[in-house]
Amino acid sequence: MKDWNKYKQKLLKNPQFRKLYEESQPEFEIARAIIRARIEGKITQEQLAKKMNTTQSVISRVEQAKTSPSLSFLKRLAEALNATLQVQFKF
């Protein structure tokens, strides 16, 4: 982990990389939250997908931050995880 942090700091010195990194943060935060919720709830991607009436591959893509989930997807996700969805802007 230490090596990754050093490497990431080096990459962040590049303005183009920093911009892309910062733009992708919401997707990574969503992915981390879903993974954490699944682990805490002891459910698999497939089980979550069935609860949401979607496929395991969709859950996988969201968890890998390869897609930006819609608000309706996040609402269904919250319901499937017995969670409350909160969307906020920080200034």
Foldseek 3Di string as FASTA:
>chain_A
DVVVVVVVVVQCVDVVSVVVVVVLVVLQVQLVVLVVLCVVVVHALQLLCVQLVHHSVVNVCSNVSVDDDDPVSVVSSCVSSVHDDDDDDDD
